[in-house]
C-alpha atoms as a PDB file:
ATOM      1  CA  MET A   1      83.917 -28.765  60.394  1.00  0.00           C
ATOM      2  CA  LYS A   2      84.121 -25.200  62.079  1.00  0.00           C
ATOM      3  CA  THR A   3      84.973 -23.623  58.665  1.00  0.00           C
ATOM      4  CA  ILE A   4      81.946 -25.122  57.091  1.00  0.00           C
ATOM      5  CA  ALA A   5      79.672 -23.756  59.910  1.00  0.00           C
ATOM      6  CA  LYS A   6      81.188 -20.350  59.634  1.00  0.00           C
ATOM      7  CA  ILE A   7      80.687 -20.348  55.921  1.00  0.00           C
ATOM      8  CA  THR A   8      77.059 -21.514  56.324  1.00  0.00           C
ATOM      9  CA  ALA A   9      76.336 -18.980  59.032  1.00  0.00           C
ATOM     10  CA  LEU A  10      77.772 -16.239  56.912  1.00  0.00           C
ATOM     11  CA  MET A  11      75.784 -17.230  53.878  1.00  0.00           C
ATOM     12  CA  ALA A  12      72.689 -17.138  55.986  1.00  0.00           C
ATOM     13  CA  SER A  13      73.350 -13.736  57.284  1.00  0.00           C
ATOM     14  CA  VAL A  14      73.902 -12.408  53.698  1.00  0.00           C
ATOM     15  CA  VAL A  15      70.389 -13.834  52.669  1.00  0.00           C
ATOM     16  CA  VAL A  16      68.693 -12.354  55.528  1.00  0.00           C
ATOM     17  CA  ALA A  17      70.620  -9.058  55.357  1.00  0.00           C
ATOM     18  CA  ALA A  18      70.159  -8.371  51.614  1.00  0.00           C
ATOM     19  CA  PRO A  19      67.627  -9.713  49.436  1.00  0.00           C
ATOM     20  CA  ALA A  20      68.830 -11.303  46.126  1.00  0.00           C
ATOM     21  CA  PHE A  21      66.679  -8.919  44.021  1.00  0.00           C
ATOM     22  CA  ALA A  22      66.492  -5.506  45.866  1.00  0.00           C
ATOM     23  CA  ALA A  23      65.055  -2.608  44.045  1.00  0.00           C
ATOM     24  CA  THR A  24      64.181   0.937  44.699  1.00  0.00           C
ATOM     25  CA  GLN A  25      60.619   0.550  43.108  1.00  0.00           C
ATOM     26  CA  ALA A  26      57.871  -2.006  42.312  1.00  0.00           C
ATOM     27  CA  THR A  27      55.328  -2.081  39.649  1.00  0.00           C
ATOM     28  CA  LEU A  28      51.734  -3.111  39.649  1.00  0.00           C
ATOM     29  CA  LYS A  29      50.268  -3.779  36.143  1.00  0.00           C
ATOM     30  CA  LEU A  30      46.445  -3.000  35.892  1.00  0.00           C
ATOM     31  CA  THR A  31      44.421  -4.410  33.079  1.00  0.00           C
ATOM     32  CA  GLY A  32      40.648  -3.978  32.222  1.00  0.00           C
ATOM     33  CA  SER A  33      38.536  -4.461  29.195  1.00  0.00           C
ATOM     34  CA  VAL A  34      35.618  -2.366  27.817  1.00  0.00           C
ATOM     35  CA  PRO A  35      33.365  -4.604  25.569  1.00  0.00           C
ATOM     36  CA  ALA A  36      32.552  -3.207  22.019  1.00  0.00           C
ATOM     37  CA  SER A  37      28.948  -1.778  22.075  1.00  0.00           C
ATOM     38  CA  THR A  38      27.226  -0.980  18.983  1.00  0.00           C
ATOM     39  CA  TYR A  39      23.347  -0.827  18.841  1.00  0.00           C
ATOM     40  CA  ILE A  40      20.404   0.867  17.323  1.00  0.00           C
ATOM     41  CA  THR A  41      16.928   1.751  18.729  1.00  0.00           C
ATOM     42  CA  ILE A  42      13.914   3.639  17.368  1.00  0.00           C
ATOM     43  CA  ALA A  43      11.126   5.774  18.950  1.00  0.00           C
ATOM     44  CA  SER A  44       8.225   8.009  17.995  1.00  0.00           C
ATOM     45  CA  THR A  45       9.886  11.117  19.656  1.00  0.00           C
ATOM     46  CA  ASN A  46      13.510  12.151  20.141  1.00  0.00           C
ATOM     47  CA  VAL A  47      13.631  10.562  23.482  1.00  0.00           C
ATOM     48  CA  GLU A  48      15.308   7.235  23.510  1.00  0.00           C
ATOM     49  CA  THR A  49      13.206   4.449  24.929  1.00  0.00           C
ATOM     50  CA  GLY A  50      15.261   1.342  23.948  1.00  0.00           C
ATOM     51  CA  ALA A  51      12.619   0.005  21.485  1.00  0.00           C
ATOM     52  CA  VAL A  52      13.660  -1.801  18.421  1.00  0.00           C
ATOM     53  CA  GLU A  53      10.199  -1.517  16.667  1.00  0.00           C
ATOM     54  CA  GLN A  54       8.106   1.453  15.851  1.00  0.00           C
ATOM     55  CA  SER A  55       4.831   1.881  13.743  1.00  0.00           C
ATOM     56  CA  TYR A  56       3.478   4.950  11.987  1.00  0.00           C
ATOM     57  CA  THR A  57       0.314   5.474  10.161  1.00  0.00           C
ATOM     58  CA  ILE A  58       0.376   7.581   7.196  1.00  0.00           C
ATOM     59  CA  ASP A  59      -2.415  10.234   6.512  1.00  0.00           C
ATOM     60  CA  SER A  60      -4.397   9.032   3.534  1.00  0.00           C
ATOM     61  CA  ALA A  61      -4.237  12.542   1.947  1.00  0.00           C
ATOM     62  CA  LYS A  62      -0.434  12.117   1.679  1.00  0.00           C
ATOM     63  CA  LEU A  63      -0.927   8.891  -0.154  1.00  0.00           C
ATOM     64  CA  THR A  64      -3.451  10.065  -2.671  1.00  0.00           C
ATOM     65  CA  THR A  65      -2.540  13.639  -3.479  1.00  0.00           C
ATOM     66  CA  SER A  66      -0.481  14.057  -6.619  1.00  0.00           C
ATOM     67  CA  GLY A  67       3.044  15.163  -6.458  1.00  0.00           C
ATOM     68  CA  SER A  68       5.553  15.047  -3.593  1.00  0.00           C
ATOM     69  CA  ASN A  69       4.158  14.941   0.059  1.00  0.00           C
ATOM     70  CA  ASN A  70       6.584  15.165   2.837  1.00  0.00           C
ATOM     71  CA  VAL A  71       5.950  13.649   6.214  1.00  0.00           C
ATOM     72  CA  ASP A  72       8.557  14.884   8.803  1.00  0.00           C
ATOM     73  CA  ASN A  73       9.670  13.328  11.967  1.00  0.00           C
ATOM     74  CA  ILE A  74       7.744  10.259  12.040  1.00  0.00           C
ATOM     75  CA  ALA A  75      10.203   8.412  14.050  1.00  0.00           C
ATOM     76  CA  TYR A  76      13.800   8.932  15.422  1.00  0.00           C
ATOM     77  CA  VAL A  77      16.728   6.509  15.256  1.00  0.00           C
ATOM     78  CA  PHE A  78      19.382   6.350  17.804  1.00  0.00           C
ATOM     79  CA  GLU A  79      22.598   5.206  16.777  1.00  0.00           C
ATOM     80  CA  THR A  80      25.072   4.134  19.629  1.00  0.00           C
ATOM     81  CA  SER A  81      28.551   3.014  19.401  1.00  0.00           C
ATOM     82  CA  ASN A  82      31.833   2.860  21.338  1.00  0.00           C
ATOM     83  CA  ARG A  83      33.903   1.383  18.329  1.00  0.00           C
ATOM     84  CA  LYS A  84      36.869   3.548  17.721  1.00  0.00           C
ATOM     85  CA  SER A  85      36.946   2.462  14.059  1.00  0.00           C
ATOM     86  CA  GLY A  86      33.412   3.762  13.584  1.00  0.00           C
ATOM     87  CA  TYR A  87      30.167   2.244  12.307  1.00  0.00           C
ATOM     88  CA  THR A  88      27.759   2.323   9.386  1.00  0.00           C
ATOM     89  CA  VAL A  89      24.015   2.414   9.249  1.00  0.00           C
ATOM     90  CA  THR A  90      21.969   0.956   6.490  1.00  0.00           C
ATOM     91  CA  ALA A  91      18.290   1.307   5.559  1.00  0.00           C
ATOM     92  CA  SER A  92      16.438  -1.169   3.391  1.00  0.00           C
ATOM     93  CA  SER A  93      12.874  -1.600   2.326  1.00  0.00           C
ATOM     94  CA  ALA A  94      10.920  -4.815   2.215  1.00  0.00           C
ATOM     95  CA  HIS A  95       9.132  -3.540  -0.869  1.00  0.00           C
ATOM     96  CA  ASN A  96      11.984  -1.496  -2.436  1.00  0.00           C
ATOM     97  CA  GLY A  97      10.637   1.899  -1.405  1.00  0.00           C
ATOM     98  CA  LYS A  98       7.033   1.241  -2.283  1.00  0.00           C
ATOM     99  CA  LEU A  99       4.013   0.973  -0.052  1.00  0.00           C
ATOM    100  CA  THR A 100       2.124  -1.849  -1.492  1.00  0.00           C
ATOM    101  CA  LEU A 101      -1.558  -2.844  -1.049  1.00  0.00           C
ATOM    102  CA  ASP A 102      -1.941  -5.492   1.558  1.00  0.00           C
ATOM    103  CA  ASP A 103       1.810  -6.380   1.104  1.00  0.00           C
ATOM    104  CA  SER A 104       1.290  -7.307  -2.574  1.00  0.00           C
ATOM    105  CA  SER A 105       4.018  -7.050  -5.125  1.00  0.00           C
ATOM    106  CA  ALA A 106       5.961  -3.775  -5.330  1.00  0.00           C
ATOM    107  CA  SER A 107       5.597  -3.878  -9.075  1.00  0.00           C
ATOM    108  CA  ASP A 108       1.768  -3.479  -8.724  1.00  0.00           C
ATOM    109  CA  ALA A 109       0.418  -0.491 -10.493  1.00  0.00           C
ATOM    110  CA  ALA A 110      -1.459   0.583  -7.226  1.00  0.00           C
ATOM    111  CA  ALA A 111       1.744   0.735  -5.275  1.00  0.00           C
ATOM    112  CA  ILE A 112       2.678   4.185  -3.786  1.00  0.00           C
ATOM    113  CA  SER A 113       6.418   5.244  -4.122  1.00  0.00           C
ATOM    114  CA  TYR A 114       8.329   7.022  -1.449  1.00  0.00           C
ATOM    115  CA  ALA A 115      11.883   8.078  -0.423  1.00  0.00           C
ATOM    116  CA  LEU A 116      13.228   7.946   3.093  1.00  0.00           C
ATOM    117  CA  MET A 117      14.293  11.176   4.652  1.00  0.00           C
ATOM    118  CA  TYR A 118      17.042  10.273   7.095  1.00  0.00           C
ATOM    119  CA  ASN A 119      18.345  13.174   9.154  1.00  0.00           C
ATOM    120  CA  GLY A 120      17.129  15.550   6.261  1.00  0.00           C
ATOM    121  CA  GLN A 121      18.845  13.575   3.539  1.00  0.00           C
ATOM    122  CA  GLU A 122      16.710  11.956   0.786  1.00  0.00           C
ATOM    123  CA  LYS A 123      17.643   8.165   0.388  1.00  0.00           C
ATOM    124  CA  SER A 124      15.842   5.957  -2.403  1.00  0.00           C
ATOM    125  CA  LEU A 125      15.099   2.718  -0.995  1.00  0.00           C
ATOM    126  CA  SER A 126      15.090   0.791  -4.347  1.00  0.00           C
ATOM    127  CA  SER A 127      18.027  -0.900  -2.842  1.00  0.00           C
ATOM    128  CA  SER A 128      19.710  -0.938   0.475  1.00  0.00           C
ATOM    129  CA  GLN A 129      21.220   2.360   1.304  1.00  0.00           C
ATOM    130  CA  THR A 130      23.923   3.510   3.670  1.00  0.00           C
ATOM    131  CA  VAL A 131      22.288   6.363   5.719  1.00  0.00           C
ATOM    132  CA  THR A 132      25.359   6.893   8.211  1.00  0.00           C
ATOM    133  CA  ASP A 133      29.017   6.215   7.802  1.00  0.00           C
ATOM    134  CA  ILE A 134      31.080   7.195  10.715  1.00  0.00           C
ATOM    135  CA  SER A 135      34.831   6.721  10.069  1.00  0.00           C
ATOM    136  CA  SER A 136      36.068   6.973  13.813  1.00  0.00           C
ATOM    137  CA  LEU A 137      35.112   7.752  17.292  1.00  0.00           C
ATOM    138  CA  THR A 138      36.960   9.217  20.171  1.00  0.00           C
ATOM    139  CA  GLY A 139      34.421   7.823  22.899  1.00  0.00           C
ATOM    140  CA  LYS A 140      31.022   6.110  23.181  1.00  0.00           C
ATOM    141  CA  THR A 141      28.385   8.158  21.368  1.00  0.00           C
ATOM    142  CA  THR A 142      24.722   8.229  20.522  1.00  0.00           C
ATOM    143  CA  ASN A 143      23.581  10.144  17.373  1.00  0.00           C
ATOM    144  CA  THR A 144      19.824  10.959  17.093  1.00  0.00           C
ATOM    145  CA  LYS A 145      18.617  10.892  13.645  1.00  0.00           C
ATOM    146  CA  SER A 146      15.146  11.911  12.466  1.00  0.00           C
ATOM    147  CA  VAL A 147      13.274   9.950   9.951  1.00  0.00           C
ATOM    148  CA  GLY A 148      10.564  11.065   7.565  1.00  0.00           C
ATOM    149  CA  LEU A 149       9.114  10.272   4.235  1.00  0.00           C
ATOM    150  CA  LYS A 150       8.745  11.803   0.770  1.00  0.00           C
ATOM    151  CA  ILE A 151       5.799  10.154  -0.745  1.00  0.00           C
ATOM    152  CA  THR A 152       4.866  10.355  -4.416  1.00  0.00           C
ATOM    153  CA  GLY A 153       1.058  10.395  -4.012  1.00  0.00           C
ATOM    154  CA  ASN A 154      -1.119   8.176  -6.232  1.00  0.00           C
ATOM    155  CA  PRO A 155      -4.525   9.710  -6.909  1.00  0.00           C
ATOM    156  CA  ASN A 156      -5.632   6.401  -8.667  1.00  0.00           C
ATOM    157  CA  ALA A 157      -4.764   4.261  -5.648  1.00  0.00           C
ATOM    158  CA  LEU A 158      -7.180   1.512  -4.819  1.00  0.00           C
ATOM    159  CA  GLU A 159      -8.831   1.395  -1.512  1.00  0.00           C
ATOM    160  CA  GLY A 160      -7.026  -0.705   1.215  1.00  0.00           C
ATOM    161  CA  THR A 161      -4.090  -0.796   3.425  1.00  0.00           C
ATOM    162  CA  TYR A 162      -0.794   0.006   2.075  1.00  0.00           C
ATOM    163  CA  LYS A 163       2.277  -1.154   3.869  1.00  0.00           C
ATOM    164  CA  ASP A 164       6.130  -1.601   3.869  1.00  0.00           C
ATOM    165  CA  THR A 165       8.740  -2.108   6.485  1.00  0.00           C
ATOM    166  CA  VAL A 166      11.999  -0.234   6.654  1.00  0.00           C
ATOM    167  CA  THR A 167      14.781  -2.046   8.574  1.00  0.00           C
ATOM    168  CA  PHE A 168      17.737   0.024   9.887  1.00  0.00           C
ATOM    169  CA  THR A 169      20.912  -2.115  10.546  1.00  0.00           C
ATOM    170  CA  ILE A 170      24.160  -0.784  12.461  1.00  0.00           C
ATOM    171  CA  THR A 171      27.353  -2.425  11.818  1.00  0.00           C
ATOM    172  CA  ALA A 172      30.622  -1.858  13.536  1.00  0.00           C
ATOM    173  CA  LYS A 173      33.693  -1.305  11.441  1.00  0.00           C
END
């Protein structure tokens, strides 16, 4: 019995004296997540306001003067993303790059054609167009792009209000 008590006392002193998994260093693993953030806004000036809709009224002389009529800096688009694989921005027109009389058919003879000027680059909107293609990012960024129009004036245009809607869509890669 004395032997068992001695062995038990000896084992207890070993457990107290030296931890079973003694080490000279310990590690604390930290984890945190940054959510993906890709969005687009538009403003009438080059100051971001967070707006997602903007309107612009075109001078009637630009609509009815023959030839090419430029309208510069009618809006600014702010492309924001933190996706390391980049993003694309597309532009599309409700009437395929034509201002139509009271939202009538884009094939109407009274329609007034135009091209989008996106950051100085001319883009036909007869179909959806990629206006920005960023292949990679090294950090969150906001790119400011100017928007203008290159209007082909129609001196035979009928009276009335001519309209179109351009939609900009940002997509993370």
